[in-house]
C-alpha atoms as a PDB file:
ATOM      1  CA  MET A   1      81.837 118.961  98.184  1.00  0.00           C
ATOM      2  CA  GLN A   2      85.050 117.515  99.311  1.00  0.00           C
ATOM      3  CA  THR A   3      85.546 116.708 102.916  1.00  0.00           C
ATOM      4  CA  ASN A   4      88.309 115.160 104.999  1.00  0.00           C
ATOM      5  CA  VAL A   5      88.525 112.676 107.632  1.00  0.00           C
ATOM      6  CA  THR A   6      91.522 111.226 109.190  1.00  0.00           C
ATOM      7  CA  ILE A   7      92.281 108.117 107.287  1.00  0.00           C
ATOM      8  CA  ASP A   8      95.860 107.321 107.859  1.00  0.00           C
ATOM      9  CA  PRO A   9      96.821 104.128 105.905  1.00  0.00           C
ATOM     10  CA  ILE A  10      98.505 100.951 106.938  1.00  0.00           C
ATOM     11  CA  PRO A  11     101.959  99.579 106.255  1.00  0.00           C
ATOM     12  CA  LEU A  12     101.903  97.777 102.954  1.00  0.00           C
ATOM     13  CA  GLU A  13     104.851  95.749 101.898  1.00  0.00           C
ATOM     14  CA  PRO A  14     102.906  94.107  99.047  1.00  0.00           C
ATOM     15  CA  ARG A  15     104.620  92.320  96.336  1.00  0.00           C
ATOM     16  CA  PRO A  16     104.367  94.863  93.493  1.00  0.00           C
ATOM     17  CA  ALA A  17     102.198  93.710  90.644  1.00  0.00           C
ATOM     18  CA  PRO A  18     104.059  93.594  87.190  1.00  0.00           C
ATOM     19  CA  THR A  19     101.837  96.389  85.861  1.00  0.00           C
ATOM     20  CA  VAL A  20     102.805  98.877  88.551  1.00  0.00           C
ATOM     21  CA  ARG A  21     105.661 101.161  87.350  1.00  0.00           C
ATOM     22  CA  ARG A  22     108.301 102.601  89.714  1.00  0.00           C
ATOM     23  CA  ALA A  23     106.845 100.592  92.595  1.00  0.00           C
ATOM     24  CA  ARG A  24     110.059 100.830  94.586  1.00  0.00           C
ATOM     25  CA  LEU A  25     111.314 104.154  93.357  1.00  0.00           C
ATOM     26  CA  HIS A  26     110.765 105.998  96.709  1.00  0.00           C
ATOM     27  CA  GLU A  27     110.945 103.132  99.154  1.00  0.00           C
ATOM     28  CA  GLU A  28     114.067 104.547 100.729  1.00  0.00           C
ATOM     29  CA  GLN A  29     112.047 107.618 101.788  1.00  0.00           C
ATOM     30  CA  ALA A  30     110.074 105.497 104.249  1.00  0.00           C
ATOM     31  CA  THR A  31     113.205 105.279 106.430  1.00  0.00           C
ATOM     32  CA  THR A  32     114.550 108.741 105.853  1.00  0.00           C
ATOM     33  CA  GLY A  33     111.174 110.444 106.637  1.00  0.00           C
ATOM     34  CA  ARG A  34     111.255 112.513 103.431  1.00  0.00           C
ATOM     35  CA  LYS A  35     107.995 112.708 101.632  1.00  0.00           C
ATOM     36  CA  PRO A  36     107.814 112.042  97.930  1.00  0.00           C
ATOM     37  CA  GLU A  37     106.813 114.910  95.597  1.00  0.00           C
ATOM     38  CA  TRP A  38     103.249 113.686  95.192  1.00  0.00           C
ATOM     39  CA  LEU A  39     102.604 114.155  98.895  1.00  0.00           C
ATOM     40  CA  ARG A  40     103.832 117.796  99.003  1.00  0.00           C
ATOM     41  CA  ILE A  41     100.837 120.110  99.397  1.00  0.00           C
ATOM     42  CA  LYS A  42     100.434 123.812  99.580  1.00  0.00           C
ATOM     43  CA  LEU A  43      98.039 125.132 102.305  1.00  0.00           C
ATOM     44  CA  ASN A  44      95.307 127.230 100.772  1.00  0.00           C
ATOM     45  CA  GLN A  45      94.266 129.890 103.344  1.00  0.00           C
ATOM     46  CA  ASN A  46      91.933 132.118 101.409  1.00  0.00           C
ATOM     47  CA  GLU A  47      89.111 134.243 102.715  1.00  0.00           C
ATOM     48  CA  GLU A  48      86.665 131.335 102.829  1.00  0.00           C
ATOM     49  CA  TYR A  49      89.177 129.310 104.936  1.00  0.00           C
ATOM     50  CA  TRP A  50      89.336 132.033 107.581  1.00  0.00           C
ATOM     51  CA  ARG A  51      85.570 132.501 107.561  1.00  0.00           C
ATOM     52  CA  LEU A  52      85.001 128.830 108.217  1.00  0.00           C
ATOM     53  CA  LYS A  53      87.683 128.724 110.945  1.00  0.00           C
ATOM     54  CA  ALA A  54      86.017 131.729 112.734  1.00  0.00           C
ATOM     55  CA  LEU A  55      82.610 130.020 112.454  1.00  0.00           C
ATOM     56  CA  MET A  56      83.828 126.879 114.037  1.00  0.00           C
ATOM     57  CA  ARG A  57      85.479 128.757 116.888  1.00  0.00           C
ATOM     58  CA  GLY A  58      82.399 130.924 117.520  1.00  0.00           C
ATOM     59  CA  GLU A  59      80.154 127.861 117.840  1.00  0.00           C
ATOM     60  CA  ALA A  60      82.766 125.951 119.823  1.00  0.00           C
ATOM     61  CA  LEU A  61      82.715 123.194 117.263  1.00  0.00           C
ATOM     62  CA  HIS A  62      85.471 120.823 116.233  1.00  0.00           C
ATOM     63  CA  THR A  63      86.470 119.379 112.918  1.00  0.00           C
ATOM     64  CA  VAL A  64      88.288 116.220 111.932  1.00  0.00           C
ATOM     65  CA  CYS A  65      90.134 118.354 109.423  1.00  0.00           C
ATOM     66  CA  GLU A  66      92.148 119.980 112.266  1.00  0.00           C
ATOM     67  CA  GLU A  67      92.192 117.177 114.820  1.00  0.00           C
ATOM     68  CA  ALA A  68      93.557 114.699 112.297  1.00  0.00           C
ATOM     69  CA  PHE A  69      96.004 117.087 110.557  1.00  0.00           C
ATOM     70  CA  CYS A  70      94.229 116.251 107.302  1.00  0.00           C
ATOM     71  CA  PRO A  71      96.426 117.001 104.275  1.00  0.00           C
ATOM     72  CA  ASN A  72      93.376 118.374 102.355  1.00  0.00           C
ATOM     73  CA  LEU A  73      92.385 120.867 105.049  1.00  0.00           C
ATOM     74  CA  GLY A  74      93.394 123.980 103.107  1.00  0.00           C
ATOM     75  CA  GLU A  75      91.728 122.863  99.898  1.00  0.00           C
ATOM     76  CA  CYS A  76      88.491 121.948 101.563  1.00  0.00           C
ATOM     77  CA  TRP A  77      88.243 124.795 103.945  1.00  0.00           C
ATOM     78  CA  GLY A  78      89.101 127.138 101.110  1.00  0.00           C
ATOM     79  CA  ARG A  79      85.982 125.838  99.375  1.00  0.00           C
ATOM     80  CA  GLY A  80      83.812 126.138 102.466  1.00  0.00           C
ATOM     81  CA  ILE A  81      83.667 122.381 103.181  1.00  0.00           C
ATOM     82  CA  ALA A  82      84.389 120.589 106.481  1.00  0.00           C
ATOM     83  CA  THR A  83      83.646 117.365 108.461  1.00  0.00           C
ATOM     84  CA  PHE A  84      82.173 118.093 111.887  1.00  0.00           C
ATOM     85  CA  LEU A  85      83.713 116.197 114.797  1.00  0.00           C
ATOM     86  CA  MET A  86      81.049 115.754 117.484  1.00  0.00           C
ATOM     87  CA  MET A  87      81.017 114.729 121.176  1.00  0.00           C
ATOM     88  CA  GLY A  88      84.214 116.618 122.067  1.00  0.00           C
ATOM     89  CA  ASP A  89      87.830 116.253 121.020  1.00  0.00           C
ATOM     90  CA  ILE A  90      88.891 113.541 123.514  1.00  0.00           C
ATOM     91  CA  CYS A  91      88.493 109.955 122.439  1.00  0.00           C
ATOM     92  CA  THR A  92      88.001 106.928 124.724  1.00  0.00           C
ATOM     93  CA  ARG A  93      90.190 104.786 122.418  1.00  0.00           C
ATOM     94  CA  ALA A  94      93.825 105.141 121.535  1.00  0.00           C
ATOM     95  CA  CYS A  95      94.347 104.066 117.884  1.00  0.00           C
ATOM     96  CA  LYS A  96      98.002 104.239 117.050  1.00  0.00           C
ATOM     97  CA  PHE A  97      97.509 106.054 113.682  1.00  0.00           C
ATOM     98  CA  CYS A  98      95.224 108.801 114.870  1.00  0.00           C
ATOM     99  CA  ASN A  99      96.147 112.261 116.157  1.00  0.00           C
ATOM    100  CA  VAL A 100      92.954 112.820 118.089  1.00  0.00           C
ATOM    101  CA  LYS A 101      93.619 113.094 121.846  1.00  0.00           C
ATOM    102  CA  SER A 102      92.677 110.050 124.008  1.00  0.00           C
ATOM    103  CA  GLY A 103      91.611 110.026 127.667  1.00  0.00           C
ATOM    104  CA  LYS A 104      88.552 110.712 129.752  1.00  0.00           C
ATOM    105  CA  PRO A 105      86.151 112.871 127.774  1.00  0.00           C
ATOM    106  CA  LEU A 106      83.797 115.610 129.087  1.00  0.00           C
ATOM    107  CA  PRO A 107      80.022 114.914 129.473  1.00  0.00           C
ATOM    108  CA  LEU A 108      78.122 115.006 126.236  1.00  0.00           C
ATOM    109  CA  ASP A 109      76.717 118.418 125.100  1.00  0.00           C
ATOM    110  CA  GLU A 110      73.164 117.573 124.198  1.00  0.00           C
ATOM    111  CA  ASP A 111      72.799 120.999 122.474  1.00  0.00           C
ATOM    112  CA  GLU A 112      75.567 120.184 119.991  1.00  0.00           C
ATOM    113  CA  PRO A 113      73.321 118.793 117.268  1.00  0.00           C
ATOM    114  CA  ARG A 114      71.392 122.075 117.198  1.00  0.00           C
ATOM    115  CA  ARG A 115      74.595 124.093 116.960  1.00  0.00           C
ATOM    116  CA  VAL A 116      76.002 121.960 114.193  1.00  0.00           C
ATOM    117  CA  ALA A 117      72.748 122.237 112.227  1.00  0.00           C
ATOM    118  CA  ALA A 118      72.838 126.053 112.658  1.00  0.00           C
ATOM    119  CA  SER A 119      76.367 126.140 111.292  1.00  0.00           C
ATOM    120  CA  VAL A 120      75.422 123.947 108.339  1.00  0.00           C
ATOM    121  CA  ALA A 121      72.555 126.310 107.496  1.00  0.00           C
ATOM    122  CA  GLN A 122      74.824 129.408 107.955  1.00  0.00           C
ATOM    123  CA  MET A 123      77.313 127.822 105.519  1.00  0.00           C
ATOM    124  CA  ALA A 124      74.517 126.857 103.084  1.00  0.00           C
ATOM    125  CA  LEU A 125      75.942 123.392 102.706  1.00  0.00           C
ATOM    126  CA  ARG A 126      74.493 120.945 100.200  1.00  0.00           C
ATOM    127  CA  HIS A 127      76.251 117.956 101.761  1.00  0.00           C
ATOM    128  CA  VAL A 128      77.659 117.508 105.290  1.00  0.00           C
ATOM    129  CA  VAL A 129      79.731 114.826 106.960  1.00  0.00           C
ATOM    130  CA  LEU A 130      79.286 114.117 110.715  1.00  0.00           C
ATOM    131  CA  THR A 131      81.789 112.112 112.605  1.00  0.00           C
ATOM    132  CA  SER A 132      82.841 111.768 116.283  1.00  0.00           C
ATOM    133  CA  VAL A 133      85.388 110.520 118.742  1.00  0.00           C
ATOM    134  CA  ASP A 134      84.735 107.116 120.207  1.00  0.00           C
ATOM    135  CA  ARG A 135      82.492 107.475 123.366  1.00  0.00           C
ATOM    136  CA  ASP A 136      82.697 104.017 124.942  1.00  0.00           C
ATOM    137  CA  ASP A 137      81.714 105.818 128.192  1.00  0.00           C
ATOM    138  CA  GLN A 138      78.171 106.238 126.902  1.00  0.00           C
ATOM    139  CA  PRO A 139      75.576 103.451 126.968  1.00  0.00           C
ATOM    140  CA  ASP A 140      74.732 103.992 123.238  1.00  0.00           C
ATOM    141  CA  GLY A 141      78.275 105.171 122.286  1.00  0.00           C
ATOM    142  CA  GLY A 142      76.736 108.570 121.523  1.00  0.00           C
ATOM    143  CA  ALA A 143      74.493 107.173 118.740  1.00  0.00           C
ATOM    144  CA  HIS A 144      71.641 109.440 119.800  1.00  0.00           C
ATOM    145  CA  ILE A 145      73.810 112.537 119.144  1.00  0.00           C
ATOM    146  CA  PHE A 146      74.255 111.389 115.528  1.00  0.00           C
ATOM    147  CA  ALA A 147      70.511 110.768 115.145  1.00  0.00           C
ATOM    148  CA  GLU A 148      69.551 114.179 116.610  1.00  0.00           C
ATOM    149  CA  ALA A 149      72.121 115.972 114.462  1.00  0.00           C
ATOM    150  CA  ILE A 150      70.684 114.369 111.319  1.00  0.00           C
ATOM    151  CA  ARG A 151      67.172 115.479 112.274  1.00  0.00           C
ATOM    152  CA  GLU A 152      68.301 118.955 113.259  1.00  0.00           C
ATOM    153  CA  ILE A 153      70.136 119.472 109.940  1.00  0.00           C
ATOM    154  CA  ARG A 154      67.223 118.312 107.938  1.00  0.00           C
ATOM    155  CA  ALA A 155      65.032 120.867 109.688  1.00  0.00           C
ATOM    156  CA  ALA A 156      67.571 123.703 109.433  1.00  0.00           C
ATOM    157  CA  GLN A 157      68.860 123.057 105.929  1.00  0.00           C
ATOM    158  CA  PRO A 158      66.290 121.090 103.807  1.00  0.00           C
ATOM    159  CA  GLY A 159      67.828 119.302 100.884  1.00  0.00           C
ATOM    160  CA  CYS A 160      71.243 118.930 102.444  1.00  0.00           C
ATOM    161  CA  THR A 161      72.477 115.355 102.108  1.00  0.00           C
ATOM    162  CA  ILE A 162      74.126 113.781 105.162  1.00  0.00           C
ATOM    163  CA  GLU A 163      76.958 111.363 105.579  1.00  0.00           C
ATOM    164  CA  VAL A 164      77.849 109.943 108.998  1.00  0.00           C
ATOM    165  CA  LEU A 165      81.238 108.456 109.755  1.00  0.00           C
ATOM    166  CA  ILE A 166      80.552 106.445 112.857  1.00  0.00           C
ATOM    167  CA  PRO A 167      82.523 104.426 115.418  1.00  0.00           C
ATOM    168  CA  ASP A 168      81.632 100.809 115.875  1.00  0.00           C
ATOM    169  CA  PHE A 169      79.354 101.340 118.924  1.00  0.00           C
ATOM    170  CA  LYS A 170      80.861  98.131 120.263  1.00  0.00           C
ATOM    171  CA  GLY A 171      78.764  96.356 117.676  1.00  0.00           C
ATOM    172  CA  GLU A 172      75.493  97.090 119.497  1.00  0.00           C
ATOM    173  CA  ARG A 173      72.648  96.781 117.021  1.00  0.00           C
ATOM    174  CA  GLU A 174      70.253  99.019 118.967  1.00  0.00           C
ATOM    175  CA  ALA A 175      72.809 101.899 119.036  1.00  0.00           C
ATOM    176  CA  LEU A 176      73.243 101.544 115.218  1.00  0.00           C
ATOM    177  CA  LYS A 177      69.483 101.401 114.783  1.00  0.00           C
ATOM    178  CA  LEU A 178      69.141 104.875 116.409  1.00  0.00           C
ATOM    179  CA  VAL A 179      71.399 106.230 113.628  1.00  0.00           C
ATOM    180  CA  MET A 180      69.829 104.342 110.743  1.00  0.00           C
ATOM    181  CA  ASP A 181      66.286 105.289 111.828  1.00  0.00           C
ATOM    182  CA  ALA A 182      67.308 108.986 111.204  1.00  0.00           C
ATOM    183  CA  HIS A 183      68.139 107.825 107.579  1.00  0.00           C
ATOM    184  CA  PRO A 184      71.575 109.320 106.695  1.00  0.00           C
ATOM    185  CA  LYS A 185      72.333 109.256 102.991  1.00  0.00           C
ATOM    186  CA  ILE A 186      75.687 107.562 103.513  1.00  0.00           C
ATOM    187  CA  LEU A 187      76.758 105.386 106.515  1.00  0.00           C
ATOM    188  CA  ASN A 188      80.518 105.280 106.720  1.00  0.00           C
ATOM    189  CA  HIS A 189      82.551 103.116 109.004  1.00  0.00           C
ATOM    190  CA  ASN A 190      86.224 102.599 108.394  1.00  0.00           C
ATOM    191  CA  THR A 191      88.000  99.274 108.578  1.00  0.00           C
ATOM    192  CA  GLU A 192      91.243 101.220 108.395  1.00  0.00           C
ATOM    193  CA  THR A 193      93.628  98.287 107.966  1.00  0.00           C
ATOM    194  CA  VAL A 194      93.957  94.558 107.256  1.00  0.00           C
ATOM    195  CA  PRO A 195      92.951  91.983 109.861  1.00  0.00           C
ATOM    196  CA  ARG A 196      96.597  90.961 110.623  1.00  0.00           C
ATOM    197  CA  LEU A 197      97.491  94.522 111.582  1.00  0.00           C
ATOM    198  CA  SER A 198      94.198  95.477 113.241  1.00  0.00           C
ATOM    199  CA  ARG A 199      95.252  94.791 116.818  1.00  0.00           C
ATOM    200  CA  TRP A 200      98.416  96.804 116.300  1.00  0.00           C
ATOM    201  CA  VAL A 201      96.848  99.724 114.523  1.00  0.00           C
ATOM    202  CA  ARG A 202      93.523  99.993 116.375  1.00  0.00           C
ATOM    203  CA  PRO A 203      93.791  97.726 119.408  1.00  0.00           C
ATOM    204  CA  GLN A 204      90.317  98.409 120.744  1.00  0.00           C
ATOM    205  CA  ALA A 205      88.579  97.564 117.508  1.00  0.00           C
ATOM    206  CA  LYS A 206      88.031  94.346 115.581  1.00  0.00           C
ATOM    207  CA  HIS A 207      87.876  93.677 111.841  1.00  0.00           C
ATOM    208  CA  GLU A 208      84.914  91.273 112.139  1.00  0.00           C
ATOM    209  CA  ARG A 209      82.983  93.775 114.279  1.00  0.00           C
ATOM    210  CA  SER A 210      83.505  96.488 111.693  1.00  0.00           C
ATOM    211  CA  LEU A 211      82.171  94.190 108.988  1.00  0.00           C
ATOM    212  CA  ALA A 212      79.157  93.375 111.208  1.00  0.00           C
ATOM    213  CA  VAL A 213      78.416  97.065 111.652  1.00  0.00           C
ATOM    214  CA  LEU A 214      78.392  97.623 107.881  1.00  0.00           C
ATOM    215  CA  ARG A 215      76.188  94.542 107.349  1.00  0.00           C
ATOM    216  CA  MET A 216      73.713  95.655 109.980  1.00  0.00           C
ATOM    217  CA  ALA A 217      73.521  99.086 108.588  1.00  0.00           C
ATOM    218  CA  LYS A 218      72.216  97.663 105.254  1.00  0.00           C
ATOM    219  CA  GLU A 219      69.797  95.395 107.107  1.00  0.00           C
ATOM    220  CA  LEU A 220      68.365  98.330 109.071  1.00  0.00           C
ATOM    221  CA  ASP A 221      68.055 100.726 106.089  1.00  0.00           C
ATOM    222  CA  GLY A 222      68.354  99.118 102.695  1.00  0.00           C
ATOM    223  CA  SER A 223      68.164 102.597 100.968  1.00  0.00           C
ATOM    224  CA  ALA A 224      71.311 103.901 102.659  1.00  0.00           C
ATOM    225  CA  LEU A 225      74.723 103.775 100.924  1.00  0.00           C
ATOM    226  CA  THR A 226      77.460 102.165 103.008  1.00  0.00           C
ATOM    227  CA  LYS A 227      81.081 103.130 102.759  1.00  0.00           C
ATOM    228  CA  SER A 228      84.451 102.152 104.310  1.00  0.00           C
ATOM    229  CA  GLY A 229      88.018 103.471 104.158  1.00  0.00           C
ATOM    230  CA  LEU A 230      91.380 101.746 104.096  1.00  0.00           C
ATOM    231  CA  MET A 231      94.887 103.062 104.795  1.00  0.00           C
ATOM    232  CA  VAL A 232      97.996 101.745 103.124  1.00  0.00           C
ATOM    233  CA  GLY A 233     101.646 102.211 103.994  1.00  0.00           C
ATOM    234  CA  LEU A 234     101.839 100.481 107.395  1.00  0.00           C
ATOM    235  CA  GLY A 235     103.137  97.112 106.337  1.00  0.00           C
ATOM    236  CA  GLU A 236     100.253  95.083 104.921  1.00  0.00           C
ATOM    237  CA  ALA A 237     100.676  92.706 101.892  1.00  0.00           C
ATOM    238  CA  TRP A 238      99.010  93.460  98.569  1.00  0.00           C
ATOM    239  CA  ASP A 239      96.897  90.326  98.758  1.00  0.00           C
ATOM    240  CA  GLU A 240      95.723  91.305 102.245  1.00  0.00           C
ATOM    241  CA  VAL A 241      94.354  94.616 100.855  1.00  0.00           C
ATOM    242  CA  LEU A 242      92.496  92.765  98.096  1.00  0.00           C
ATOM    243  CA  ALA A 243      91.088  90.354 100.719  1.00  0.00           C
ATOM    244  CA  VAL A 244      89.687  93.348 102.700  1.00  0.00           C
ATOM    245  CA  MET A 245      88.012  94.580  99.467  1.00  0.00           C
ATOM    246  CA  ASP A 246      86.435  91.090  99.181  1.00  0.00           C
ATOM    247  CA  ASP A 247      85.256  91.216 102.821  1.00  0.00           C
ATOM    248  CA  LEU A 248      83.659  94.646 102.289  1.00  0.00           C
ATOM    249  CA  ARG A 249      81.850  93.578  99.119  1.00  0.00           C
ATOM    250  CA  GLY A 250      80.703  90.494 101.003  1.00  0.00           C
ATOM    251  CA  VAL A 251      78.632  92.841 103.258  1.00  0.00           C
ATOM    252  CA  ASP A 252      77.535  94.872 100.255  1.00  0.00           C
ATOM    253  CA  VAL A 253      79.595  98.024 100.896  1.00  0.00           C
ATOM    254  CA  ASP A 254      79.005 100.560  98.110  1.00  0.00           C
ATOM    255  CA  ILE A 255      81.862 103.032  98.370  1.00  0.00           C
ATOM    256  CA  LEU A 256      85.531 102.491  99.159  1.00  0.00           C
ATOM    257  CA  THR A 257      88.303 105.010  99.918  1.00  0.00           C
ATOM    258  CA  ILE A 258      92.028 104.233  99.977  1.00  0.00           C
ATOM    259  CA  GLY A 259      94.806 106.651 101.023  1.00  0.00           C
ATOM    260  CA  GLN A 260      98.411 106.833 102.122  1.00  0.00           C
ATOM    261  CA  TYR A 261      99.133 106.618 105.846  1.00  0.00           C
ATOM    262  CA  LEU A 262     100.911 109.719 107.084  1.00  0.00           C
ATOM    263  CA  GLN A 263     102.473 109.694 110.567  1.00  0.00           C
ATOM    264  CA  PRO A 264     101.010 112.506 112.625  1.00  0.00           C
ATOM    265  CA  SER A 265     104.006 112.510 115.049  1.00  0.00           C
ATOM    266  CA  LYS A 266     106.970 110.396 116.098  1.00  0.00           C
ATOM    267  CA  GLU A 267     104.804 108.888 118.777  1.00  0.00           C
ATOM    268  CA  HIS A 268     102.469 107.336 116.170  1.00  0.00           C
ATOM    269  CA  LEU A 269     102.991 104.269 113.973  1.00  0.00           C
ATOM    270  CA  PRO A 270     105.885 104.555 111.543  1.00  0.00           C
ATOM    271  CA  ILE A 271     105.374 104.525 107.837  1.00  0.00           C
ATOM    272  CA  ALA A 272     106.562 101.268 106.303  1.00  0.00           C
ATOM    273  CA  ARG A 273     106.660 102.753 102.800  1.00  0.00           C
ATOM    274  CA  TYR A 274     105.011 105.275 100.456  1.00  0.00           C
ATOM    275  CA  TYR A 275     102.789 104.000  97.733  1.00  0.00           C
ATOM    276  CA  HIS A 276     103.284 105.406  94.212  1.00  0.00           C
ATOM    277  CA  PRO A 277     100.241 106.982  92.510  1.00  0.00           C
ATOM    278  CA  ASP A 278     100.377 104.178  89.923  1.00  0.00           C
ATOM    279  CA  GLU A 279      99.766 101.653  92.723  1.00  0.00           C
ATOM    280  CA  PHE A 280      96.732 103.605  93.892  1.00  0.00           C
ATOM    281  CA  GLU A 281      95.374 103.433  90.332  1.00  0.00           C
ATOM    282  CA  GLN A 282      95.775  99.726  90.290  1.00  0.00           C
ATOM    283  CA  LEU A 283      94.052  99.401  93.657  1.00  0.00           C
ATOM    284  CA  ALA A 284      91.198 101.453  92.263  1.00  0.00           C
ATOM    285  CA  ALA A 285      90.967  99.149  89.273  1.00  0.00           C
ATOM    286  CA  GLU A 286      90.939  96.099  91.599  1.00  0.00           C
ATOM    287  CA  ALA A 287      88.118  97.682  93.680  1.00  0.00           C
ATOM    288  CA  THR A 288      86.057  98.647  90.681  1.00  0.00           C
ATOM    289  CA  ALA A 289      86.342  95.103  89.252  1.00  0.00           C
ATOM    290  CA  ARG A 290      84.919  93.833  92.582  1.00  0.00           C
ATOM    291  CA  GLY A 291      81.805  95.892  92.101  1.00  0.00           C
ATOM    292  CA  PHE A 292      82.146  98.904  94.325  1.00  0.00           C
ATOM    293  CA  LYS A 293      79.940 101.687  93.004  1.00  0.00           C
ATOM    294  CA  TRP A 294      82.367 104.462  93.771  1.00  0.00           C
ATOM    295  CA  VAL A 295      86.111 104.247  94.506  1.00  0.00           C
ATOM    296  CA  GLU A 296      88.479 106.967  95.642  1.00  0.00           C
ATOM    297  CA  SER A 297      92.084 105.759  95.634  1.00  0.00           C
ATOM    298  CA  ALA A 298      95.029 108.227  95.732  1.00  0.00           C
ATOM    299  CA  PRO A 299      97.848 109.266  98.102  1.00  0.00           C
ATOM    300  CA  LEU A 300      95.959 112.107  99.763  1.00  0.00           C
ATOM    301  CA  VAL A 301      92.537 110.561  99.838  1.00  0.00           C
ATOM    302  CA  ARG A 302      90.790 110.490 103.189  1.00  0.00           C
ATOM    303  CA  SER A 303      87.472 108.848 104.035  1.00  0.00           C
ATOM    304  CA  SER A 304      85.180 111.779 103.262  1.00  0.00           C
ATOM    305  CA  TYR A 305      87.068 112.932 100.217  1.00  0.00           C
ATOM    306  CA  HIS A 306      84.619 113.883  97.432  1.00  0.00           C
ATOM    307  CA  ALA A 307      81.715 112.756  99.611  1.00  0.00           C
ATOM    308  CA  ASP A 308      79.383 115.339  98.095  1.00  0.00           C
ATOM    309  CA  GLY A 309      80.085 114.038  94.578  1.00  0.00           C
ATOM    310  CA  GLN A 310      79.240 110.502  95.758  1.00  0.00           C
ATOM    311  CA  ALA A 311      75.876 111.509  97.177  1.00  0.00           C
ATOM    312  CA  ARG A 312      74.943 113.598  94.122  1.00  0.00           C
ATOM    313  CA  LEU A 313      75.938 110.883  91.683  1.00  0.00           C
ATOM    314  CA  PHE A 314      73.720 108.404  93.411  1.00  0.00           C
ATOM    315  CA  ASP A 315      70.838 110.858  93.449  1.00  0.00           C
ATOM    316  CA  THR A 316      71.203 111.162  89.745  1.00  0.00           C
ATOM    317  CA  VAL A 317      71.413 107.397  89.227  1.00  0.00           C
ATOM    318  CA  THR A 318      68.478 106.553  91.573  1.00  0.00           C
ATOM    319  CA  GLY A 319      66.364 109.599  90.665  1.00  0.00           C
END
């Protein structure tokens, strides 16, 4: 199953490695706003796409696929795959790469986990990704909603593997423990960018806090897979991207995703440049050499891309 989450990459002005071909071929497009050919996609709106859209509307549920303008939305919805966005569609933070609305959110809907689980069962999913807006207005950041949704899905759709893409919960261990005690298959938390750009890209988050969350997740449940996502195209240096890979392996992260940042609107961060597919292949090679167990690196990759394949592969490997 292939799912999507908003992972809009960071500005990378790395020095191109000698093995990368055509590294600067389309750099001029970063200033003209024209997308290179490898980023042009055709929206697939087949019968399954419209069935899933109607189901989401009927249950008053949200998806990251829509809120984030994910470029893979048509492909994934056409296959009956989606990432559930919980706790409303208004975020208490205002990251400058993200298209989700920010402001004062509505009170939590404590019945939402049940409705999400009912939809998962109706769709007969084998793997589901749960994420949320940041809810800094809540004492536990909404961690209990994640935990309850995991339990409800296990009851409604036995055998369905579950990935959670969580906020940082302000680094609170007890909030994270609520989620890990429910034993998700994959715990995903995105670092998004390099430390130098973090205050610019996601001003209410911290690189070290994100690393601490990923480290604590392993401490709380050693059987869970941990995962993080990185955006490129916002102005980071090549060596900075490699340093983030080292940081993530330092806290034993298993899975890494890397994708091109795409500007949702003129009010969001500008694109510094587009990365060529060859560069994504080289980044994948660098990540694999560092020991990540699974790497997704390509222009249109988002953090939950091919999430079902990751879960099934590890089931096969671990038995």
